[in-house]
C-alpha atoms as a PDB file:
ATOM      1  CA  MET A   1     -15.748  59.871 -29.661  1.00  0.00           C
ATOM      2  CA  ASP A   2     -17.129  61.759 -26.654  1.00  0.00           C
ATOM      3  CA  SER A   3     -20.143  63.982 -26.930  1.00  0.00           C
ATOM      4  CA  GLU A   4     -21.898  66.264 -24.479  1.00  0.00           C
ATOM      5  CA  PRO A   5     -25.537  67.278 -24.500  1.00  0.00           C
ATOM      6  CA  VAL A   6     -26.161  70.851 -25.644  1.00  0.00           C
ATOM      7  CA  THR A   7     -28.882  73.002 -24.089  1.00  0.00           C
ATOM      8  CA  ILE A   8     -30.454  75.448 -26.550  1.00  0.00           C
ATOM      9  CA  ASP A   9     -32.276  78.298 -24.808  1.00  0.00           C
ATOM     10  CA  PRO A  10     -35.396  79.552 -26.632  1.00  0.00           C
ATOM     11  CA  ARG A  11     -34.987  82.857 -24.730  1.00  0.00           C
ATOM     12  CA  PRO A  12     -31.220  83.566 -24.615  1.00  0.00           C
ATOM     13  CA  LYS A  13     -29.976  85.168 -21.398  1.00  0.00           C
ATOM     14  CA  PRO A  14     -27.858  88.363 -21.265  1.00  0.00           C
ATOM     15  CA  VAL A  15     -24.224  87.860 -20.280  1.00  0.00           C
ATOM     16  CA  ARG A  16     -20.816  89.511 -20.406  1.00  0.00           C
ATOM     17  CA  ALA A  17     -18.276  87.283 -22.126  1.00  0.00           C
ATOM     18  CA  TRP A  18     -14.572  87.318 -22.846  1.00  0.00           C
ATOM     19  CA  VAL A  19     -13.914  86.545 -26.518  1.00  0.00           C
ATOM     20  CA  ARG A  20     -10.753  86.718 -28.609  1.00  0.00           C
ATOM     21  CA  PHE A  21     -10.137  88.356 -31.952  1.00  0.00           C
ATOM     22  CA  GLY A  22      -6.778  86.938 -32.929  1.00  0.00           C
ATOM     23  CA  LEU A  23      -4.459  87.811 -30.034  1.00  0.00           C
ATOM     24  CA  LYS A  24      -6.746  90.528 -28.652  1.00  0.00           C
ATOM     25  CA  PRO A  25      -9.220  89.642 -25.845  1.00  0.00           C
ATOM     26  CA  ALA A  26     -12.435  91.662 -25.591  1.00  0.00           C
ATOM     27  CA  LEU A  27     -15.182  91.780 -22.961  1.00  0.00           C
ATOM     28  CA  VAL A  28     -18.513  91.989 -24.814  1.00  0.00           C
ATOM     29  CA  ASP A  29     -22.196  92.252 -23.994  1.00  0.00           C
ATOM     30  CA  ALA A  30     -23.760  89.096 -25.396  1.00  0.00           C
ATOM     31  CA  VAL A  31     -26.516  86.535 -24.951  1.00  0.00           C
ATOM     32  CA  ALA A  32     -25.971  82.923 -23.961  1.00  0.00           C
ATOM     33  CA  ALA A  33     -27.849  81.021 -26.650  1.00  0.00           C
ATOM     34  CA  ARG A  34     -26.627  77.495 -25.847  1.00  0.00           C
ATOM     35  CA  TRP A  35     -24.300  75.702 -23.494  1.00  0.00           C
ATOM     36  CA  THR A  36     -22.720  72.460 -22.375  1.00  0.00           C
ATOM     37  CA  ALA A  37     -21.224  71.634 -18.985  1.00  0.00           C
ATOM     38  CA  ASP A  38     -17.950  73.328 -20.030  1.00  0.00           C
ATOM     39  CA  ALA A  39     -18.712  75.910 -22.725  1.00  0.00           C
ATOM     40  CA  VAL A  40     -21.233  78.582 -23.700  1.00  0.00           C
ATOM     41  CA  GLY A  41     -22.341  79.567 -27.187  1.00  0.00           C
ATOM     42  CA  VAL A  42     -22.651  83.357 -27.192  1.00  0.00           C
ATOM     43  CA  VAL A  43     -24.051  85.808 -29.730  1.00  0.00           C
ATOM     44  CA  PHE A  44     -22.891  89.437 -29.769  1.00  0.00           C
ATOM     45  CA  SER A  45     -22.619  92.411 -32.108  1.00  0.00           C
ATOM     46  CA  ILE A  46     -19.749  94.759 -32.813  1.00  0.00           C
ATOM     47  CA  ARG A  47     -20.363  97.787 -35.047  1.00  0.00           C
ATOM     48  CA  GLY A  48     -23.542  96.222 -36.422  1.00  0.00           C
ATOM     49  CA  THR A  49     -22.006  92.850 -37.304  1.00  0.00           C
ATOM     50  CA  GLU A  50     -23.327  89.807 -35.441  1.00  0.00           C
ATOM     51  CA  TYR A  51     -20.827  87.223 -34.228  1.00  0.00           C
ATOM     52  CA  ARG A  52     -21.287  83.787 -32.678  1.00  0.00           C
ATOM     53  CA  ALA A  53     -18.618  82.026 -30.645  1.00  0.00           C
ATOM     54  CA  TRP A  54     -18.115  79.193 -28.201  1.00  0.00           C
ATOM     55  CA  VAL A  55     -16.194  80.223 -25.073  1.00  0.00           C
ATOM     56  CA  TRP A  56     -15.269  78.443 -21.858  1.00  0.00           C
ATOM     57  CA  ALA A  57     -18.039  78.693 -19.252  1.00  0.00           C
ATOM     58  CA  SER A  58     -15.637  80.504 -16.904  1.00  0.00           C
ATOM     59  CA  ALA A  59     -15.356  83.341 -19.472  1.00  0.00           C
ATOM     60  CA  VAL A  60     -19.064  84.200 -19.063  1.00  0.00           C
ATOM     61  CA  THR A  61     -20.795  86.227 -16.331  1.00  0.00           C
ATOM     62  CA  PRO A  62     -24.613  86.441 -16.170  1.00  0.00           C
ATOM     63  CA  VAL A  63     -26.182  89.918 -16.321  1.00  0.00           C
ATOM     64  CA  GLN A  64     -29.357  90.716 -14.405  1.00  0.00           C
ATOM     65  CA  ARG A  65     -32.189  91.942 -16.603  1.00  0.00           C
ATOM     66  CA  THR A  66     -33.776  95.150 -15.399  1.00  0.00           C
ATOM     67  CA  PRO A  67     -37.521  94.824 -14.734  1.00  0.00           C
END
C-alpha cells in the first residue's frame, strides 16, 4: 500500500477551492488545513455549516491575506 506524507498547517492559509456537492461544482472561500503532493484538505462554511473536503491540488488557488 502506498502512502504519502501529510502536512498539517497550524495556521491554515486562505484559498479559493472548487468542491462538488453531488453533480454541482461550487467555488468556495476556504482555508487549506493540510495537504499532500497531490491533494489539499480544505475547510469551508456554507450557511453556517462547516464542511471539510479533500480536493485535487489543481482545484485550489491561494488567496493573499490583506495586511
